[in-house]
Amino acid sequence: MRTRLDMETELLARLQVANNSTMFPSARLTQLIKDAYIWATTKWIWTDLVNGKHTSTVANNEYYDYPEDFRSNTIMRLTVDNVSYDRKNFEDYLAFKERNPSDQYKMFASYGRYYFIHPTPTANGVNNITVWGALKADSLTNATDITIFTDNKEEGNEALVRKALSVALVRIDKNLSTAEETAANEILQKLNFDELAATQRDQRIQHPKFLVPDFYAGRYKTSYGNFNFEDVL
């Protein structure tokens, strides 16, 4: 199964109904596949949907709109003037600023359809912010459209059909509906796990495989745990 039409044809066969049946007309099959694709591409982050966007700093502006085609809360990397900023939980971001009002630690956080940058930029820039996040998947408008799974993870298309089937059967056979959704979840979880495992096998440049802090080095700034980056013994 490569295209939306292929998946609709397979879904029809598994439902064991005739073409354009009154219960499952072609428009209903199309919507079931489209909805399954939205479900699959928003429940996990897939590398095929991760992309970078540029925008510009605005003097004294701490927060910025998410790129229109990014999913909310998915920005995973941000640079300003080619300097990387650390990603933080929004509550931790606010707490750090409150406790350390003059600290220039470079960090960012997402909240809904906004992302926040610290320290606040002091000058207008020109495409000097780069953000990497997860794009919203295509809507499969055409019958010949393919999914992100088609060319390298075709089991993902099988999961879409099974998810669509589970929705179609929810009022007809609850047990079978549940079984199909469980199977769809398991397929996609494995594919997503395999993506993460492949990424984790790539050792970062100039980073040790194990991070071992020196507990006897005296006073120093630390980023271990959530200790506000204060001096510790």
C-alpha atoms as a PDB file:
ATOM      1  CA  MET A   1       0.000   0.000   0.000  1.00  0.00           C
ATOM      2  CA  ARG A   2       1.557   3.235  -1.168  1.00  0.00           C
ATOM      3  CA  THR A   3      -1.147   5.795  -1.823  1.00  0.00           C
ATOM      4  CA  ARG A   4      -4.262   7.020  -0.064  1.00  0.00           C
ATOM      5  CA  LEU A   5      -6.330   5.142  -2.646  1.00  0.00           C
ATOM      6  CA  ASP A   6      -4.435   1.915  -1.939  1.00  0.00           C
ATOM      7  CA  MET A   7      -5.289   2.226   1.747  1.00  0.00           C
ATOM      8  CA  GLU A   8      -8.929   3.017   1.031  1.00  0.00           C
ATOM      9  CA  THR A   9      -9.154  -0.065  -1.198  1.00  0.00           C
ATOM     10  CA  GLU A  10      -7.645  -2.238   1.532  1.00  0.00           C
ATOM     11  CA  LEU A  11      -9.934  -0.749   4.167  1.00  0.00           C
ATOM     12  CA  LEU A  12     -12.970  -1.505   1.988  1.00  0.00           C
ATOM     13  CA  ALA A  13     -11.846  -5.115   1.596  1.00  0.00           C
ATOM     14  CA  ARG A  14     -11.408  -5.579   5.342  1.00  0.00           C
ATOM     15  CA  LEU A  15     -14.839  -4.103   6.011  1.00  0.00           C
ATOM     16  CA  GLN A  16     -16.243  -6.694   3.586  1.00  0.00           C
ATOM     17  CA  VAL A  17     -18.705  -4.335   1.993  1.00  0.00           C
ATOM     18  CA  ALA A  18     -19.453  -3.440  -1.619  1.00  0.00           C
ATOM     19  CA  ASN A  19     -18.110  -0.359  -3.358  1.00  0.00           C
ATOM     20  CA  ASN A  20     -20.017   2.765  -2.329  1.00  0.00           C
ATOM     21  CA  SER A  21     -22.086   0.926   0.243  1.00  0.00           C
ATOM     22  CA  THR A  22     -24.579   3.089   2.092  1.00  0.00           C
ATOM     23  CA  MET A  23     -22.803   2.355   5.386  1.00  0.00           C
ATOM     24  CA  PHE A  24     -19.290   3.102   4.099  1.00  0.00           C
ATOM     25  CA  PRO A  25     -19.444   5.309   0.990  1.00  0.00           C
ATOM     26  CA  SER A  26     -16.170   6.315  -0.655  1.00  0.00           C
ATOM     27  CA  ALA A  27     -16.165   9.725   1.032  1.00  0.00           C
ATOM     28  CA  ARG A  28     -16.374   8.023   4.425  1.00  0.00           C
ATOM     29  CA  LEU A  29     -13.438   5.737   3.604  1.00  0.00           C
ATOM     30  CA  THR A  30     -11.363   8.733   2.537  1.00  0.00           C
ATOM     31  CA  GLN A  31     -12.109  10.564   5.771  1.00  0.00           C
ATOM     32  CA  LEU A  32     -11.267   7.519   7.869  1.00  0.00           C
ATOM     33  CA  ILE A  33      -7.823   7.263   6.248  1.00  0.00           C
ATOM     34  CA  LYS A  34      -7.207  11.002   6.547  1.00  0.00           C
ATOM     35  CA  ASP A  35      -8.172  10.991  10.228  1.00  0.00           C
ATOM     36  CA  ALA A  36      -5.949   7.972  10.869  1.00  0.00           C
ATOM     37  CA  TYR A  37      -3.024   9.823   9.282  1.00  0.00           C
ATOM     38  CA  ILE A  38      -3.579  12.882  11.464  1.00  0.00           C
ATOM     39  CA  TRP A  39      -3.727  10.611  14.510  1.00  0.00           C
ATOM     40  CA  ALA A  40      -0.494   8.811  13.603  1.00  0.00           C
ATOM     41  CA  THR A  41       1.500  11.937  12.784  1.00  0.00           C
ATOM     42  CA  THR A  42       0.473  13.893  15.874  1.00  0.00           C
ATOM     43  CA  LYS A  43       0.816  11.145  18.471  1.00  0.00           C
ATOM     44  CA  TRP A  44       4.563  10.817  17.804  1.00  0.00           C
ATOM     45  CA  ILE A  45       7.306  13.016  16.344  1.00  0.00           C
ATOM     46  CA  TRP A  46       8.693  11.571  13.108  1.00  0.00           C
ATOM     47  CA  THR A  47      12.042  12.615  11.654  1.00  0.00           C
ATOM     48  CA  ASP A  48      10.486  12.880   8.181  1.00  0.00           C
ATOM     49  CA  LEU A  49       8.367  15.767   9.463  1.00  0.00           C
ATOM     50  CA  VAL A  50      11.119  17.667  11.304  1.00  0.00           C
ATOM     51  CA  ASN A  51      12.285  20.804   9.535  1.00  0.00           C
ATOM     52  CA  GLY A  52      13.983  24.130  10.184  1.00  0.00           C
ATOM     53  CA  LYS A  53      12.591  27.647   9.802  1.00  0.00           C
ATOM     54  CA  HIS A  54      14.178  31.110   9.991  1.00  0.00           C
ATOM     55  CA  THR A  55      12.780  34.256  11.519  1.00  0.00           C
ATOM     56  CA  SER A  56      14.178  37.472  12.951  1.00  0.00           C
ATOM     57  CA  THR A  57      14.735  38.793  16.451  1.00  0.00           C
ATOM     58  CA  VAL A  58      12.797  41.890  17.474  1.00  0.00           C
ATOM     59  CA  ALA A  59      14.392  44.211  20.025  1.00  0.00           C
ATOM     60  CA  ASN A  60      12.933  43.700  23.527  1.00  0.00           C
ATOM     61  CA  ASN A  61      10.607  40.954  22.299  1.00  0.00           C
ATOM     62  CA  GLU A  62      10.861  37.807  24.441  1.00  0.00           C
ATOM     63  CA  TYR A  63       8.229  35.640  22.743  1.00  0.00           C
ATOM     64  CA  TYR A  64       7.505  34.758  19.113  1.00  0.00           C
ATOM     65  CA  ASP A  65       4.764  32.998  17.158  1.00  0.00           C
ATOM     66  CA  TYR A  66       5.268  29.388  16.226  1.00  0.00           C
ATOM     67  CA  PRO A  67       5.775  28.850  12.483  1.00  0.00           C
ATOM     68  CA  GLU A  68       2.333  28.345  11.010  1.00  0.00           C
ATOM     69  CA  ASP A  69       3.054  24.825   9.742  1.00  0.00           C
ATOM     70  CA  PHE A  70       4.712  23.613  12.988  1.00  0.00           C
ATOM     71  CA  ARG A  71       2.838  21.475  15.489  1.00  0.00           C
ATOM     72  CA  SER A  72       2.501  23.134  18.897  1.00  0.00           C
ATOM     73  CA  ASN A  73       5.207  22.462  21.513  1.00  0.00           C
ATOM     74  CA  THR A  74       7.503  20.601  19.112  1.00  0.00           C
ATOM     75  CA  ILE A  75      10.449  23.010  18.733  1.00  0.00           C
ATOM     76  CA  MET A  76      13.425  20.933  19.784  1.00  0.00           C
ATOM     77  CA  ARG A  77      16.345  23.135  18.757  1.00  0.00           C
ATOM     78  CA  LEU A  78      16.800  26.899  18.554  1.00  0.00           C
ATOM     79  CA  THR A  79      19.747  29.102  17.649  1.00  0.00           C
ATOM     80  CA  VAL A  80      20.119  32.866  17.661  1.00  0.00           C
ATOM     81  CA  ASP A  81      23.015  34.294  15.647  1.00  0.00           C
ATOM     82  CA  ASN A  82      24.270  30.692  15.246  1.00  0.00           C
ATOM     83  CA  VAL A  83      24.455  30.180  19.036  1.00  0.00           C
ATOM     84  CA  SER A  84      22.471  27.243  20.441  1.00  0.00           C
ATOM     85  CA  TYR A  85      19.978  27.830  23.252  1.00  0.00           C
ATOM     86  CA  ASP A  86      18.995  25.091  25.708  1.00  0.00           C
ATOM     87  CA  ARG A  87      15.423  23.828  25.625  1.00  0.00           C
ATOM     88  CA  LYS A  88      13.572  24.078  28.965  1.00  0.00           C
ATOM     89  CA  ASN A  89      10.162  23.304  30.402  1.00  0.00           C
ATOM     90  CA  PHE A  90       8.112  26.510  30.420  1.00  0.00           C
ATOM     91  CA  GLU A  91       7.569  26.490  34.195  1.00  0.00           C
ATOM     92  CA  ASP A  92      11.301  25.975  34.797  1.00  0.00           C
ATOM     93  CA  TYR A  93      12.051  28.744  32.318  1.00  0.00           C
ATOM     94  CA  LEU A  94       9.873  31.183  34.254  1.00  0.00           C
ATOM     95  CA  ALA A  95      11.210  30.036  37.637  1.00  0.00           C
ATOM     96  CA  PHE A  96      14.829  30.455  36.532  1.00  0.00           C
ATOM     97  CA  LYS A  97      14.165  33.989  35.282  1.00  0.00           C
ATOM     98  CA  GLU A  98      12.434  34.905  38.533  1.00  0.00           C
ATOM     99  CA  ARG A  99      15.264  33.582  40.702  1.00  0.00           C
ATOM    100  CA  ASN A 100      18.056  34.862  38.465  1.00  0.00           C
ATOM    101  CA  PRO A 101      16.876  38.149  36.909  1.00  0.00           C
ATOM    102  CA  SER A 102      20.343  39.213  35.730  1.00  0.00           C
ATOM    103  CA  ASP A 103      21.598  35.821  34.511  1.00  0.00           C
ATOM    104  CA  GLN A 104      22.364  35.634  30.789  1.00  0.00           C
ATOM    105  CA  TYR A 105      21.939  31.856  30.494  1.00  0.00           C
ATOM    106  CA  LYS A 106      20.747  31.107  26.949  1.00  0.00           C
ATOM    107  CA  MET A 107      17.539  29.053  26.908  1.00  0.00           C
ATOM    108  CA  PHE A 108      14.143  28.806  25.257  1.00  0.00           C
ATOM    109  CA  ALA A 109      10.754  27.292  26.063  1.00  0.00           C
ATOM    110  CA  SER A 110       7.496  26.620  24.247  1.00  0.00           C
ATOM    111  CA  TYR A 111       4.018  27.405  25.453  1.00  0.00           C
ATOM    112  CA  GLY A 112       1.098  26.716  23.164  1.00  0.00           C
ATOM    113  CA  ARG A 113       1.684  28.472  19.858  1.00  0.00           C
ATOM    114  CA  TYR A 114       4.526  30.671  21.209  1.00  0.00           C
ATOM    115  CA  TYR A 115       8.186  30.174  22.023  1.00  0.00           C
ATOM    116  CA  PHE A 116      10.149  32.293  24.491  1.00  0.00           C
ATOM    117  CA  ILE A 117      13.835  33.271  24.323  1.00  0.00           C
ATOM    118  CA  HIS A 118      16.132  34.231  27.204  1.00  0.00           C
ATOM    119  CA  PRO A 119      17.938  36.541  27.398  1.00  0.00           C
ATOM    120  CA  THR A 120      15.487  38.784  25.572  1.00  0.00           C
ATOM    121  CA  PRO A 121      17.003  40.000  22.281  1.00  0.00           C
ATOM    122  CA  THR A 122      18.164  43.616  22.394  1.00  0.00           C
ATOM    123  CA  ALA A 123      18.345  44.285  18.654  1.00  0.00           C
ATOM    124  CA  ASN A 124      16.380  43.668  15.490  1.00  0.00           C
ATOM    125  CA  GLY A 125      17.890  40.893  13.411  1.00  0.00           C
ATOM    126  CA  VAL A 126      17.513  39.505   9.899  1.00  0.00           C
ATOM    127  CA  ASN A 127      16.643  35.797   9.771  1.00  0.00           C
ATOM    128  CA  ASN A 128      18.960  35.246  12.723  1.00  0.00           C
ATOM    129  CA  ILE A 129      16.654  32.843  14.616  1.00  0.00           C
ATOM    130  CA  THR A 130      16.581  29.230  13.453  1.00  0.00           C
ATOM    131  CA  VAL A 131      14.063  26.824  14.961  1.00  0.00           C
ATOM    132  CA  TRP A 132      13.694  23.093  14.330  1.00  0.00           C
ATOM    133  CA  GLY A 133      10.318  21.486  14.955  1.00  0.00           C
ATOM    134  CA  ALA A 134       7.737  19.008  13.701  1.00  0.00           C
ATOM    135  CA  LEU A 135       5.680  19.997  10.695  1.00  0.00           C
ATOM    136  CA  LYS A 136       2.014  19.229  10.348  1.00  0.00           C
ATOM    137  CA  ALA A 137       1.593  16.310   7.950  1.00  0.00           C
ATOM    138  CA  ASP A 138       0.081  16.746   4.493  1.00  0.00           C
ATOM    139  CA  SER A 139      -3.682  16.314   4.377  1.00  0.00           C
ATOM    140  CA  LEU A 140      -3.693  13.557   1.699  1.00  0.00           C
ATOM    141  CA  THR A 141      -5.922  15.672  -0.507  1.00  0.00           C
ATOM    142  CA  ASN A 142      -5.403  13.550  -3.643  1.00  0.00           C
ATOM    143  CA  ALA A 143      -6.031   9.837  -4.061  1.00  0.00           C
ATOM    144  CA  THR A 144      -2.443   9.412  -5.323  1.00  0.00           C
ATOM    145  CA  ASP A 145      -0.858  11.181  -2.336  1.00  0.00           C
ATOM    146  CA  ILE A 146       1.604   9.147  -0.280  1.00  0.00           C
ATOM    147  CA  THR A 147       2.388   9.271   3.437  1.00  0.00           C
ATOM    148  CA  ILE A 148       5.671   9.736   5.266  1.00  0.00           C
ATOM    149  CA  PHE A 149       5.700   5.960   5.763  1.00  0.00           C
ATOM    150  CA  THR A 150       5.358   4.955   2.122  1.00  0.00           C
ATOM    151  CA  ASP A 151       8.990   4.963   1.026  1.00  0.00           C
ATOM    152  CA  ASN A 152      10.802   3.736   4.130  1.00  0.00           C
ATOM    153  CA  LYS A 153       8.334   2.477   6.758  1.00  0.00           C
ATOM    154  CA  GLU A 154       5.493   0.926   4.813  1.00  0.00           C
ATOM    155  CA  GLU A 155       4.252  -0.889   7.933  1.00  0.00           C
ATOM    156  CA  GLY A 156       3.083   2.574   8.981  1.00  0.00           C
ATOM    157  CA  ASN A 157       0.481   2.503   6.208  1.00  0.00           C
ATOM    158  CA  GLU A 158      -0.744  -0.830   7.558  1.00  0.00           C
ATOM    159  CA  ALA A 159      -1.161   0.885  10.924  1.00  0.00           C
ATOM    160  CA  LEU A 160      -3.238   3.628   9.280  1.00  0.00           C
ATOM    161  CA  VAL A 161      -5.604   1.071   7.769  1.00  0.00           C
ATOM    162  CA  ARG A 162      -5.949  -0.713  11.101  1.00  0.00           C
ATOM    163  CA  LYS A 163      -6.649   2.547  12.929  1.00  0.00           C
ATOM    164  CA  ALA A 164      -9.250   3.498  10.298  1.00  0.00           C
ATOM    165  CA  LEU A 165     -10.796   0.044  10.613  1.00  0.00           C
ATOM    166  CA  SER A 166     -10.995   0.386  14.390  1.00  0.00           C
ATOM    167  CA  VAL A 167     -12.935   3.633  14.063  1.00  0.00           C
ATOM    168  CA  ALA A 168     -15.248   2.173  11.416  1.00  0.00           C
ATOM    169  CA  LEU A 169     -16.058  -0.823  13.624  1.00  0.00           C
ATOM    170  CA  VAL A 170     -16.445   0.940  16.964  1.00  0.00           C
ATOM    171  CA  ARG A 171     -20.272   0.664  16.937  1.00  0.00           C
ATOM    172  CA  ILE A 172     -20.368  -2.690  15.164  1.00  0.00           C
ATOM    173  CA  ASP A 173     -17.821  -4.807  17.026  1.00  0.00           C
ATOM    174  CA  LYS A 174     -16.258  -3.082  20.029  1.00  0.00           C
ATOM    175  CA  ASN A 175     -13.804  -5.902  20.783  1.00  0.00           C
ATOM    176  CA  LEU A 176     -12.493  -6.062  17.212  1.00  0.00           C
ATOM    177  CA  SER A 177     -12.296  -2.265  17.111  1.00  0.00           C
ATOM    178  CA  THR A 178     -10.152  -2.250  20.253  1.00  0.00           C
ATOM    179  CA  ALA A 179      -7.916  -5.018  18.909  1.00  0.00           C
ATOM    180  CA  GLU A 180      -7.314  -3.144  15.641  1.00  0.00           C
ATOM    181  CA  GLU A 181      -6.418   0.100  17.434  1.00  0.00           C
ATOM    182  CA  THR A 182      -4.056  -1.775  19.754  1.00  0.00           C
ATOM    183  CA  ALA A 183      -2.337  -3.343  16.741  1.00  0.00           C
ATOM    184  CA  ALA A 184      -2.029   0.060  15.035  1.00  0.00           C
ATOM    185  CA  ASN A 185      -0.473   1.526  18.178  1.00  0.00           C
ATOM    186  CA  GLU A 186       2.024  -1.308  18.483  1.00  0.00           C
ATOM    187  CA  ILE A 187       3.177  -0.946  14.871  1.00  0.00           C
ATOM    188  CA  LEU A 188       3.729   2.800  15.166  1.00  0.00           C
ATOM    189  CA  GLN A 189       5.363   2.563  18.595  1.00  0.00           C
ATOM    190  CA  LYS A 190       7.910   0.118  17.196  1.00  0.00           C
ATOM    191  CA  LEU A 191       8.611   2.288  14.156  1.00  0.00           C
ATOM    192  CA  ASN A 192       9.056   5.356  16.341  1.00  0.00           C
ATOM    193  CA  PHE A 193      11.265   3.441  18.787  1.00  0.00           C
ATOM    194  CA  ASP A 194      13.430   2.247  15.886  1.00  0.00           C
ATOM    195  CA  GLU A 195      13.845   5.858  14.727  1.00  0.00           C
ATOM    196  CA  LEU A 196      14.940   6.948  18.194  1.00  0.00           C
ATOM    197  CA  ALA A 197      17.307   3.998  18.538  1.00  0.00           C
ATOM    198  CA  ALA A 198      18.936   4.818  15.203  1.00  0.00           C
ATOM    199  CA  THR A 199      19.428   8.432  16.296  1.00  0.00           C
ATOM    200  CA  GLN A 200      20.881   7.438  19.664  1.00  0.00           C
ATOM    201  CA  ARG A 201      23.465   5.194  17.984  1.00  0.00           C
ATOM    202  CA  ASP A 202      25.015   8.297  16.425  1.00  0.00           C
ATOM    203  CA  GLN A 203      27.544   9.541  18.983  1.00  0.00           C
ATOM    204  CA  ARG A 204      27.733  13.320  19.142  1.00  0.00           C
ATOM    205  CA  ILE A 205      30.984  15.043  18.138  1.00  0.00           C
ATOM    206  CA  GLN A 206      33.299  15.755  21.098  1.00  0.00           C
ATOM    207  CA  HIS A 207      30.811  14.284  23.578  1.00  0.00           C
ATOM    208  CA  PRO A 208      31.755  11.328  25.780  1.00  0.00           C
ATOM    209  CA  LYS A 209      29.504   8.283  25.795  1.00  0.00           C
ATOM    210  CA  PHE A 210      29.075   8.664  29.560  1.00  0.00           C
ATOM    211  CA  LEU A 211      28.804  11.922  31.490  1.00  0.00           C
ATOM    212  CA  VAL A 212      30.520  11.549  34.877  1.00  0.00           C
ATOM    213  CA  PRO A 213      30.585  14.687  37.068  1.00  0.00           C
ATOM    214  CA  ASP A 214      33.616  15.354  39.269  1.00  0.00           C
ATOM    215  CA  PHE A 215      32.115  15.380  42.756  1.00  0.00           C
ATOM    216  CA  TYR A 216      35.403  16.469  44.385  1.00  0.00           C
ATOM    217  CA  ALA A 217      36.272  19.494  42.294  1.00  0.00           C
ATOM    218  CA  GLY A 218      35.128  22.141  44.784  1.00  0.00           C
ATOM    219  CA  ARG A 219      32.628  24.876  44.029  1.00  0.00           C
ATOM    220  CA  TYR A 220      31.394  25.200  40.494  1.00  0.00           C
ATOM    221  CA  LYS A 221      28.358  25.998  38.407  1.00  0.00           C
ATOM    222  CA  THR A 222      26.273  22.922  37.741  1.00  0.00           C
ATOM    223  CA  SER A 223      23.472  21.955  35.387  1.00  0.00           C
ATOM    224  CA  TYR A 224      22.768  18.571  36.975  1.00  0.00           C
ATOM    225  CA  GLY A 225      19.250  18.114  38.284  1.00  0.00           C
ATOM    226  CA  ASN A 226      17.046  21.139  38.803  1.00  0.00           C
ATOM    227  CA  PHE A 227      19.189  23.147  41.216  1.00  0.00           C
ATOM    228  CA  ASN A 228      18.809  26.581  39.678  1.00  0.00           C
ATOM    229  CA  PHE A 229      22.444  26.566  38.478  1.00  0.00           C
ATOM    230  CA  GLU A 230      23.592  27.874  41.860  1.00  0.00           C
ATOM    231  CA  ASP A 231      27.027  27.221  43.372  1.00  0.00           C
ATOM    232  CA  VAL A 232      27.137  23.851  45.114  1.00  0.00           C
ATOM    233  CA  LEU A 233      29.771  22.128  47.160  1.00  0.00           C
END
